[in-house]
Amino acid sequence: MHRLDAGLVLTSIGYRGKRIGDLPFDEATAVVPNDGGRVVNPGTGQPVPGAYVAGWIKRGPTGFIGTNKSCSWQTVQALVADFNAGKLTDPAGRLSALDQLVAARQPDVIDAGGWRAIDAAEVARGSRDGRPRNKFTDVGDMLAAATVAQQAPPLRRRLLTRLRKLA
């Protein structure tokens, strides 16, 4: 027997998709029936308006990170096409409700600005040692680095700014 010291050990015991609310679900394959990421009614084959899936619940537990990226890209393309075709309805909730839900479930959420601050801090730490970067291994240190990020303007303001530049 050979012993390896490790900071983290993960046991993979398999995966089986589970039903999500009222979405159609195929018990035999444990996936949500879909066509390119659009959830479909298995009885009619017609898309369920506004319902999309990606990843393992879309195709089953196969592939690797690259597979998930191309899988989600396909789903986003379907979503954008449906949006451009006027097939999507207005959201039932408000954006502020989503912000509140995320904050309640994950108070230490890191936005894009926080990620950029972490990235810059890791590069700076690495440059002191002649390395491309020195990754954080402590969540507290990473969160501290993220807090120096400038908060991005609200989404509505960012979108309006972009639209004004196009005009």
N, C-alpha and C. Protein backbone atom coordinates (compact mmCIF):
# COMPACT_ATOMS: atom_id res chain seq x y z
N MET A 1 0.85 -1.17 0.00
CA MET A 1 0.00 0.00 0.00
C MET A 1 0.90 1.23 0.00
N HIS A 2 0.47 2.25 -0.75
CA HIS A 2 1.21 3.51 -0.83
C HIS A 2 0.30 4.62 -0.32
N ARG A 3 0.80 5.45 0.57
CA ARG A 3 0.00 6.53 1.15
C ARG A 3 0.38 7.85 0.49
N LEU A 4 -0.65 8.61 0.11
CA LEU A 4 -0.46 9.95 -0.46
C LEU A 4 -1.13 10.95 0.46
N ASP A 5 -0.40 12.00 0.83
CA ASP A 5 -1.01 13.07 1.60
C ASP A 5 -1.85 13.92 0.66
N ALA A 6 -3.02 14.29 1.09
CA ALA A 6 -3.91 15.08 0.25
C ALA A 6 -4.70 16.05 1.12
N GLY A 7 -5.02 17.20 0.55
CA GLY A 7 -5.82 18.18 1.25
C GLY A 7 -7.31 17.96 1.04
N LEU A 8 -7.65 17.19 -0.01
CA LEU A 8 -9.05 16.96 -0.34
C LEU A 8 -9.16 15.66 -1.10
N VAL A 9 -10.11 14.83 -0.72
CA VAL A 9 -10.39 13.59 -1.43
C VAL A 9 -11.88 13.57 -1.75
N LEU A 10 -12.20 13.32 -2.99
CA LEU A 10 -13.59 13.24 -3.42
C LEU A 10 -13.89 11.82 -3.86
N THR A 11 -15.03 11.32 -3.45
CA THR A 11 -15.47 10.01 -3.89
C THR A 11 -16.58 10.21 -4.90
N SER A 12 -16.43 9.61 -6.05
CA SER A 12 -17.46 9.72 -7.08
C SER A 12 -18.28 8.44 -7.04
N ILE A 13 -19.54 8.57 -6.73
CA ILE A 13 -20.39 7.39 -6.59
C ILE A 13 -21.45 7.32 -7.67
N GLY A 14 -21.30 8.11 -8.70
CA GLY A 14 -22.25 8.06 -9.79
C GLY A 14 -23.24 9.20 -9.74
N TYR A 15 -24.04 9.27 -10.76
CA TYR A 15 -25.01 10.35 -10.89
C TYR A 15 -26.25 9.80 -11.56
N ARG A 16 -27.38 10.25 -11.11
CA ARG A 16 -28.64 9.95 -11.77
C ARG A 16 -29.49 11.20 -11.64
N GLY A 17 -29.93 11.72 -12.78
CA GLY A 17 -30.77 12.91 -12.78
C GLY A 17 -32.06 12.67 -12.01
N LYS A 18 -32.61 13.76 -11.49
CA LYS A 18 -33.88 13.69 -10.76
C LYS A 18 -34.87 14.66 -11.38
N ARG A 19 -36.13 14.34 -11.22
CA ARG A 19 -37.21 15.18 -11.73
C ARG A 19 -37.07 16.59 -11.16
N ILE A 20 -37.33 17.60 -12.00
CA ILE A 20 -37.27 19.00 -11.59
C ILE A 20 -38.67 19.59 -11.73
N GLY A 21 -39.33 19.79 -10.61
CA GLY A 21 -40.66 20.40 -10.63
C GLY A 21 -41.60 19.69 -11.58
N ASP A 22 -42.27 20.48 -12.42
CA ASP A 22 -43.25 19.94 -13.36
C ASP A 22 -42.68 19.65 -14.73
N LEU A 23 -41.36 19.76 -14.90
CA LEU A 23 -40.77 19.48 -16.21
C LEU A 23 -40.94 18.01 -16.56
N PRO A 24 -41.10 17.72 -17.85
CA PRO A 24 -41.13 16.31 -18.26
C PRO A 24 -39.83 15.63 -17.83
N PHE A 25 -39.90 14.34 -17.55
CA PHE A 25 -38.71 13.61 -17.11
C PHE A 25 -38.81 12.18 -17.61
N ASP A 26 -37.72 11.69 -18.18
CA ASP A 26 -37.65 10.31 -18.66
C ASP A 26 -37.00 9.47 -17.56
N GLU A 27 -37.79 8.67 -16.87
CA GLU A 27 -37.28 7.86 -15.76
C GLU A 27 -36.25 6.84 -16.23
N ALA A 28 -36.41 6.32 -17.44
CA ALA A 28 -35.49 5.28 -17.94
C ALA A 28 -34.08 5.83 -18.16
N THR A 29 -33.99 7.04 -18.72
CA THR A 29 -32.67 7.61 -19.01
C THR A 29 -32.25 8.66 -17.99
N ALA A 30 -33.16 9.06 -17.11
CA ALA A 30 -32.91 10.06 -16.07
C ALA A 30 -32.47 11.39 -16.64
N VAL A 31 -33.10 11.79 -17.75
CA VAL A 31 -32.85 13.10 -18.34
C VAL A 31 -34.18 13.78 -18.63
N VAL A 32 -34.13 15.08 -18.85
CA VAL A 32 -35.30 15.83 -19.27
C VAL A 32 -35.36 15.75 -20.79
N PRO A 33 -36.47 15.26 -21.36
CA PRO A 33 -36.55 15.17 -22.82
C PRO A 33 -36.35 16.55 -23.43
N ASN A 34 -35.50 16.61 -24.46
CA ASN A 34 -35.19 17.91 -25.06
C ASN A 34 -34.75 17.74 -26.49
N ASP A 35 -34.81 18.85 -27.20
CA ASP A 35 -34.31 18.91 -28.57
C ASP A 35 -33.32 20.06 -28.62
N GLY A 36 -32.05 19.75 -28.57
CA GLY A 36 -31.02 20.79 -28.60
C GLY A 36 -31.04 21.71 -27.40
N GLY A 37 -31.58 21.22 -26.28
CA GLY A 37 -31.65 22.02 -25.07
C GLY A 37 -33.04 22.56 -24.78
N ARG A 38 -33.91 22.59 -25.80
CA ARG A 38 -35.30 22.99 -25.57
C ARG A 38 -36.03 21.80 -24.95
N VAL A 39 -36.62 22.00 -23.78
CA VAL A 39 -37.40 20.93 -23.16
C VAL A 39 -38.60 20.66 -24.04
N VAL A 40 -38.87 19.37 -24.29
CA VAL A 40 -40.02 19.01 -25.12
C VAL A 40 -40.99 18.12 -24.35
N ASN A 41 -42.25 18.23 -24.72
CA ASN A 41 -43.29 17.37 -24.18
C ASN A 41 -43.12 16.01 -24.85
N PRO A 42 -42.87 14.95 -24.10
CA PRO A 42 -42.62 13.66 -24.73
C PRO A 42 -43.82 13.11 -25.49
N GLY A 43 -45.01 13.52 -25.11
CA GLY A 43 -46.21 13.05 -25.80
C GLY A 43 -46.41 13.67 -27.16
N THR A 44 -46.04 14.95 -27.28
CA THR A 44 -46.27 15.68 -28.54
C THR A 44 -44.99 16.00 -29.29
N GLY A 45 -43.87 15.99 -28.58
CA GLY A 45 -42.61 16.39 -29.21
C GLY A 45 -42.48 17.90 -29.35
N GLN A 46 -43.48 18.63 -28.86
CA GLN A 46 -43.47 20.09 -28.96
C GLN A 46 -42.67 20.70 -27.80
N PRO A 47 -41.97 21.81 -28.08
CA PRO A 47 -41.21 22.47 -27.00
C PRO A 47 -42.11 22.98 -25.88
N VAL A 48 -41.61 22.90 -24.67
CA VAL A 48 -42.28 23.49 -23.51
C VAL A 48 -41.81 24.94 -23.47
N PRO A 49 -42.70 25.92 -23.67
CA PRO A 49 -42.27 27.32 -23.77
C PRO A 49 -41.44 27.78 -22.58
N GLY A 50 -40.28 28.38 -22.89
CA GLY A 50 -39.44 28.98 -21.87
C GLY A 50 -38.65 28.00 -21.01
N ALA A 51 -38.62 26.71 -21.38
CA ALA A 51 -37.91 25.71 -20.57
C ALA A 51 -36.72 25.16 -21.36
N TYR A 52 -35.54 25.22 -20.74
CA TYR A 52 -34.30 24.79 -21.40
C TYR A 52 -33.46 24.01 -20.40
N VAL A 53 -32.64 23.10 -20.90
CA VAL A 53 -31.75 22.33 -20.04
C VAL A 53 -30.36 22.26 -20.66
N ALA A 54 -29.37 22.02 -19.80
CA ALA A 54 -27.99 21.84 -20.25
C ALA A 54 -27.30 20.87 -19.30
N GLY A 55 -26.19 20.33 -19.74
CA GLY A 55 -25.40 19.45 -18.88
C GLY A 55 -25.98 18.07 -18.75
N TRP A 56 -25.71 17.44 -17.62
CA TRP A 56 -26.09 16.05 -17.44
C TRP A 56 -27.60 15.83 -17.44
N ILE A 57 -28.38 16.79 -16.98
CA ILE A 57 -29.84 16.61 -16.99
C ILE A 57 -30.35 16.65 -18.43
N LYS A 58 -29.54 17.19 -19.33
CA LYS A 58 -29.89 17.25 -20.76
C LYS A 58 -29.49 15.97 -21.49
N ARG A 59 -28.30 15.45 -21.18
CA ARG A 59 -27.76 14.34 -21.99
C ARG A 59 -27.35 13.12 -21.19
N GLY A 60 -27.42 13.19 -19.86
CA GLY A 60 -26.95 12.09 -19.02
C GLY A 60 -25.52 12.34 -18.57
N PRO A 61 -25.04 11.53 -17.61
CA PRO A 61 -23.71 11.75 -17.02
C PRO A 61 -22.58 11.29 -17.94
N THR A 62 -22.32 12.08 -18.95
CA THR A 62 -21.25 11.75 -19.89
C THR A 62 -20.40 12.98 -20.15
N GLY A 63 -19.18 12.74 -20.61
CA GLY A 63 -18.33 13.84 -21.03
C GLY A 63 -17.50 14.42 -19.91
N PHE A 64 -16.95 15.59 -20.21
CA PHE A 64 -16.06 16.29 -19.29
C PHE A 64 -16.36 17.78 -19.40
N ILE A 65 -15.53 18.64 -18.83
CA ILE A 65 -15.81 20.07 -18.81
C ILE A 65 -16.04 20.61 -20.22
N GLY A 66 -15.21 20.23 -21.16
CA GLY A 66 -15.39 20.69 -22.54
C GLY A 66 -16.73 20.28 -23.12
N THR A 67 -17.20 19.10 -22.76
CA THR A 67 -18.50 18.63 -23.23
C THR A 67 -19.61 19.53 -22.68
N ASN A 68 -19.51 19.89 -21.41
CA ASN A 68 -20.52 20.76 -20.81
C ASN A 68 -20.53 22.13 -21.46
N LYS A 69 -19.36 22.62 -21.86
CA LYS A 69 -19.30 23.94 -22.50
C LYS A 69 -20.02 23.91 -23.84
N SER A 70 -19.75 22.90 -24.67
CA SER A 70 -20.41 22.84 -25.97
C SER A 70 -21.89 22.53 -25.82
N CYS A 71 -22.24 21.74 -24.81
CA CYS A 71 -23.63 21.43 -24.53
C CYS A 71 -24.40 22.69 -24.15
N SER A 72 -23.83 23.49 -23.27
CA SER A 72 -24.50 24.72 -22.85
C SER A 72 -24.55 25.73 -23.99
N TRP A 73 -23.52 25.75 -24.84
CA TRP A 73 -23.52 26.65 -25.99
C TRP A 73 -24.71 26.33 -26.89
N GLN A 74 -24.95 25.04 -27.13
CA GLN A 74 -26.08 24.63 -27.96
C GLN A 74 -27.40 25.11 -27.34
N THR A 75 -27.54 24.96 -26.03
CA THR A 75 -28.76 25.39 -25.35
C THR A 75 -28.93 26.90 -25.43
N VAL A 76 -27.86 27.64 -25.23
CA VAL A 76 -27.94 29.11 -25.31
C VAL A 76 -28.33 29.54 -26.72
N GLN A 77 -27.81 28.87 -27.73
CA GLN A 77 -28.18 29.21 -29.11
C GLN A 77 -29.68 29.02 -29.32
N ALA A 78 -30.25 27.95 -28.77
CA ALA A 78 -31.69 27.72 -28.87
C ALA A 78 -32.46 28.81 -28.13
N LEU A 79 -31.99 29.18 -26.95
CA LEU A 79 -32.63 30.22 -26.16
C LEU A 79 -32.62 31.56 -26.90
N VAL A 80 -31.47 31.92 -27.45
CA VAL A 80 -31.36 33.19 -28.19
C VAL A 80 -32.24 33.16 -29.43
N ALA A 81 -32.26 32.05 -30.14
CA ALA A 81 -33.11 31.94 -31.33
C ALA A 81 -34.58 32.10 -30.96
N ASP A 82 -35.00 31.49 -29.85
CA ASP A 82 -36.38 31.63 -29.41
C ASP A 82 -36.69 33.06 -28.98
N PHE A 83 -35.73 33.71 -28.32
CA PHE A 83 -35.92 35.11 -27.94
C PHE A 83 -36.09 35.97 -29.19
N ASN A 84 -35.20 35.80 -30.16
CA ASN A 84 -35.26 36.60 -31.39
C ASN A 84 -36.52 36.32 -32.19
N ALA A 85 -37.08 35.12 -32.05
CA ALA A 85 -38.32 34.78 -32.76
C ALA A 85 -39.55 35.21 -31.97
N GLY A 86 -39.37 35.85 -30.82
CA GLY A 86 -40.49 36.32 -30.02
C GLY A 86 -41.24 35.21 -29.29
N LYS A 87 -40.58 34.08 -29.06
CA LYS A 87 -41.24 32.94 -28.43
C LYS A 87 -41.18 32.95 -26.91
N LEU A 88 -40.42 33.88 -26.33
CA LEU A 88 -40.29 33.93 -24.88
C LEU A 88 -41.23 34.97 -24.29
N THR A 89 -41.77 34.67 -23.13
CA THR A 89 -42.65 35.62 -22.46
C THR A 89 -41.83 36.48 -21.51
N ASP A 90 -42.42 37.55 -21.03
CA ASP A 90 -41.73 38.38 -20.05
C ASP A 90 -41.54 37.57 -18.77
N PRO A 91 -40.46 37.85 -18.04
CA PRO A 91 -40.22 37.11 -16.78
C PRO A 91 -41.37 37.31 -15.80
N ALA A 92 -41.66 36.26 -15.04
CA ALA A 92 -42.73 36.34 -14.04
C ALA A 92 -42.27 37.11 -12.81
N GLY A 93 -40.97 37.08 -12.53
CA GLY A 93 -40.44 37.76 -11.35
C GLY A 93 -39.61 38.96 -11.73
N ARG A 94 -39.09 39.63 -10.73
CA ARG A 94 -38.24 40.79 -10.94
C ARG A 94 -36.79 40.39 -10.72
N LEU A 95 -35.88 41.11 -11.39
CA LEU A 95 -34.45 40.84 -11.25
C LEU A 95 -34.01 40.98 -9.80
N SER A 96 -34.60 41.93 -9.08
CA SER A 96 -34.22 42.11 -7.68
C SER A 96 -34.56 40.87 -6.85
N ALA A 97 -35.61 40.15 -7.23
CA ALA A 97 -35.96 38.92 -6.50
C ALA A 97 -34.88 37.86 -6.69
N LEU A 98 -34.30 37.79 -7.88
CA LEU A 98 -33.21 36.85 -8.12
C LEU A 98 -31.99 37.24 -7.29
N ASP A 99 -31.67 38.53 -7.28
CA ASP A 99 -30.54 39.01 -6.47
C ASP A 99 -30.73 38.63 -5.00
N GLN A 100 -31.95 38.81 -4.49
CA GLN A 100 -32.23 38.49 -3.09
C GLN A 100 -32.11 36.99 -2.82
N LEU A 101 -32.58 36.17 -3.76
CA LEU A 101 -32.50 34.73 -3.60
C LEU A 101 -31.04 34.27 -3.58
N VAL A 102 -30.24 34.79 -4.50
CA VAL A 102 -28.82 34.42 -4.54
C VAL A 102 -28.13 34.85 -3.26
N ALA A 103 -28.39 36.08 -2.80
CA ALA A 103 -27.75 36.58 -1.58
C ALA A 103 -28.16 35.75 -0.36
N ALA A 104 -29.42 35.30 -0.33
CA ALA A 104 -29.88 34.49 0.80
C ALA A 104 -29.23 33.11 0.79
N ARG A 105 -29.08 32.54 -0.39
CA ARG A 105 -28.52 31.18 -0.48
C ARG A 105 -27.00 31.16 -0.45
N GLN A 106 -26.38 32.23 -0.94
CA GLN A 106 -24.92 32.27 -1.02
C GLN A 106 -24.44 33.69 -0.76
N PRO A 107 -24.34 34.09 0.51
CA PRO A 107 -23.96 35.46 0.82
C PRO A 107 -22.57 35.84 0.31
N ASP A 108 -21.70 34.87 0.10
CA ASP A 108 -20.35 35.16 -0.38
C ASP A 108 -20.22 35.03 -1.89
N VAL A 109 -21.31 35.26 -2.61
CA VAL A 109 -21.26 35.14 -4.08
C VAL A 109 -20.23 36.12 -4.64
N ILE A 110 -19.52 35.69 -5.65
CA ILE A 110 -18.49 36.52 -6.28
C ILE A 110 -18.95 36.82 -7.70
N ASP A 111 -19.05 38.11 -8.04
CA ASP A 111 -19.46 38.49 -9.39
C ASP A 111 -18.23 38.57 -10.29
N ALA A 112 -18.44 39.00 -11.54
CA ALA A 112 -17.34 39.06 -12.51
C ALA A 112 -16.23 39.99 -12.04
N GLY A 113 -16.59 41.10 -11.42
CA GLY A 113 -15.58 42.03 -10.91
C GLY A 113 -14.74 41.38 -9.81
N GLY A 114 -15.40 40.62 -8.95
CA GLY A 114 -14.68 39.90 -7.90
C GLY A 114 -13.75 38.85 -8.48
N TRP A 115 -14.21 38.16 -9.52
CA TRP A 115 -13.35 37.16 -10.17
C TRP A 115 -12.12 37.84 -10.77
N ARG A 116 -12.33 39.00 -11.41
CA ARG A 116 -11.18 39.71 -11.99
C ARG A 116 -10.20 40.13 -10.90
N ALA A 117 -10.71 40.55 -9.74
CA ALA A 117 -9.83 40.94 -8.63
C ALA A 117 -9.05 39.73 -8.11
N ILE A 118 -9.71 38.58 -8.01
CA ILE A 118 -9.02 37.36 -7.58
C ILE A 118 -7.95 36.99 -8.60
N ASP A 119 -8.30 37.05 -9.87
CA ASP A 119 -7.35 36.72 -10.94
C ASP A 119 -6.12 37.63 -10.86
N ALA A 120 -6.34 38.93 -10.71
CA ALA A 120 -5.23 39.88 -10.64
C ALA A 120 -4.36 39.61 -9.40
N ALA A 121 -5.00 39.29 -8.28
CA ALA A 121 -4.24 39.01 -7.05
C ALA A 121 -3.40 37.74 -7.21
N GLU A 122 -3.95 36.72 -7.86
CA GLU A 122 -3.18 35.48 -8.06
C GLU A 122 -1.99 35.72 -8.99
N VAL A 123 -2.19 36.52 -10.03
CA VAL A 123 -1.09 36.84 -10.94
C VAL A 123 -0.01 37.63 -10.19
N ALA A 124 -0.43 38.61 -9.38
CA ALA A 124 0.53 39.41 -8.61
C ALA A 124 1.29 38.53 -7.62
N ARG A 125 0.60 37.63 -6.95
CA ARG A 125 1.27 36.71 -6.00
C ARG A 125 2.29 35.84 -6.73
N GLY A 126 1.94 35.38 -7.91
CA GLY A 126 2.85 34.53 -8.67
C GLY A 126 4.06 35.28 -9.19
N SER A 127 3.86 36.53 -9.60
CA SER A 127 4.98 37.29 -10.16
C SER A 127 6.09 37.51 -9.13
N ARG A 128 5.72 37.57 -7.86
CA ARG A 128 6.72 37.71 -6.80
C ARG A 128 7.63 36.48 -6.71
N ASP A 129 7.10 35.34 -7.17
CA ASP A 129 7.85 34.08 -7.10
C ASP A 129 8.36 33.64 -8.48
N GLY A 130 8.22 34.51 -9.49
CA GLY A 130 8.64 34.15 -10.83
C GLY A 130 7.74 33.10 -11.48
N ARG A 131 6.47 33.08 -11.09
CA ARG A 131 5.50 32.13 -11.63
C ARG A 131 4.39 32.88 -12.34
N PRO A 132 3.66 32.22 -13.24
CA PRO A 132 2.54 32.89 -13.92
C PRO A 132 1.46 33.34 -12.94
N ARG A 133 1.27 32.56 -11.88
CA ARG A 133 0.28 32.89 -10.85
C ARG A 133 0.50 32.01 -9.64
N ASN A 134 -0.08 32.41 -8.52
CA ASN A 134 -0.06 31.61 -7.31
C ASN A 134 -1.51 31.54 -6.85
N LYS A 135 -2.15 30.39 -7.07
CA LYS A 135 -3.57 30.22 -6.78
C LYS A 135 -3.84 30.27 -5.28
N PHE A 136 -4.98 30.85 -4.92
CA PHE A 136 -5.43 30.84 -3.53
C PHE A 136 -5.82 29.42 -3.14
N THR A 137 -5.52 29.04 -1.93
CA THR A 137 -5.96 27.75 -1.40
C THR A 137 -6.88 27.93 -0.21
N ASP A 138 -7.06 29.17 0.23
CA ASP A 138 -7.91 29.47 1.37
C ASP A 138 -9.09 30.32 0.89
N VAL A 139 -10.30 29.86 1.13
CA VAL A 139 -11.49 30.58 0.67
C VAL A 139 -11.56 31.98 1.27
N GLY A 140 -11.20 32.12 2.54
CA GLY A 140 -11.22 33.43 3.19
C GLY A 140 -10.30 34.42 2.49
N ASP A 141 -9.10 33.97 2.11
CA ASP A 141 -8.17 34.84 1.39
C ASP A 141 -8.73 35.23 0.02
N MET A 142 -9.37 34.27 -0.63
CA MET A 142 -9.94 34.54 -1.94
C MET A 142 -11.08 35.56 -1.83
N LEU A 143 -11.94 35.39 -0.84
CA LEU A 143 -13.04 36.34 -0.64
C LEU A 143 -12.50 37.73 -0.31
N ALA A 144 -11.44 37.79 0.48
CA ALA A 144 -10.83 39.09 0.80
C ALA A 144 -10.32 39.76 -0.46
N ALA A 145 -9.69 39.00 -1.35
CA ALA A 145 -9.19 39.56 -2.60
C ALA A 145 -10.35 40.05 -3.47
N ALA A 146 -11.46 39.34 -3.45
CA ALA A 146 -12.61 39.71 -4.28
C ALA A 146 -13.26 41.00 -3.81
N THR A 147 -13.16 41.32 -2.52
CA THR A 147 -13.85 42.49 -1.98
C THR A 147 -13.24 43.80 -2.46
N VAL A 148 -12.01 43.77 -2.99
CA VAL A 148 -11.41 45.01 -3.47
C VAL A 148 -11.93 45.38 -4.86
N ALA A 149 -12.73 44.51 -5.45
CA ALA A 149 -13.24 44.77 -6.80
C ALA A 149 -14.24 45.91 -6.78
N GLN A 150 -14.22 46.68 -7.86
CA GLN A 150 -15.22 47.71 -8.03
C GLN A 150 -16.54 47.04 -8.37
N GLN A 151 -17.60 47.47 -7.73
CA GLN A 151 -18.89 46.88 -8.03
C GLN A 151 -19.35 47.38 -9.39
N ALA A 152 -19.81 46.45 -10.21
CA ALA A 152 -20.30 46.81 -11.55
C ALA A 152 -21.60 47.58 -11.41
N PRO A 153 -21.85 48.51 -12.35
CA PRO A 153 -23.14 49.20 -12.33
C PRO A 153 -24.28 48.19 -12.51
N PRO A 154 -25.49 48.54 -12.11
CA PRO A 154 -26.61 47.62 -12.27
C PRO A 154 -26.77 47.20 -13.74
N LEU A 155 -27.29 46.00 -13.94
CA LEU A 155 -27.45 45.44 -15.28
C LEU A 155 -28.23 46.38 -16.20
N ARG A 156 -29.31 46.95 -15.70
CA ARG A 156 -30.13 47.84 -16.53
C ARG A 156 -29.29 49.00 -17.05
N ARG A 157 -28.47 49.61 -16.19
CA ARG A 157 -27.65 50.74 -16.61
C ARG A 157 -26.61 50.30 -17.64
N ARG A 158 -26.01 49.12 -17.43
CA ARG A 158 -25.02 48.62 -18.39
C ARG A 158 -25.65 48.38 -19.75
N LEU A 159 -26.85 47.80 -19.77
CA LEU A 159 -27.52 47.53 -21.04
C LEU A 159 -27.89 48.83 -21.75
N LEU A 160 -28.42 49.79 -21.00
CA LEU A 160 -28.78 51.07 -21.61
C LEU A 160 -27.56 51.78 -22.17
N THR A 161 -26.44 51.71 -21.46
CA THR A 161 -25.20 52.32 -21.95
C THR A 161 -24.77 51.69 -23.26
N ARG A 162 -24.85 50.37 -23.35
CA ARG A 162 -24.49 49.68 -24.60
C ARG A 162 -25.43 50.06 -25.74
N LEU A 163 -26.73 50.13 -25.43
CA LEU A 163 -27.70 50.47 -26.47
C LEU A 163 -27.48 51.89 -26.98
N ARG A 164 -27.14 52.80 -26.07
CA ARG A 164 -26.90 54.19 -26.48
C ARG A 164 -25.68 54.27 -27.40
N LYS A 165 -24.66 53.45 -27.15
CA LYS A 165 -23.47 53.45 -28.00
C LYS A 165 -23.80 52.95 -29.40
N LEU A 166 -24.80 52.07 -29.51
CA LEU A 166 -25.19 51.53 -30.81
C LEU A 166 -26.01 52.53 -31.62
N ALA A 167 -26.66 53.46 -30.93
CA ALA A 167 -27.56 54.41 -31.62
C ALA A 167 -26.78 55.42 -32.45
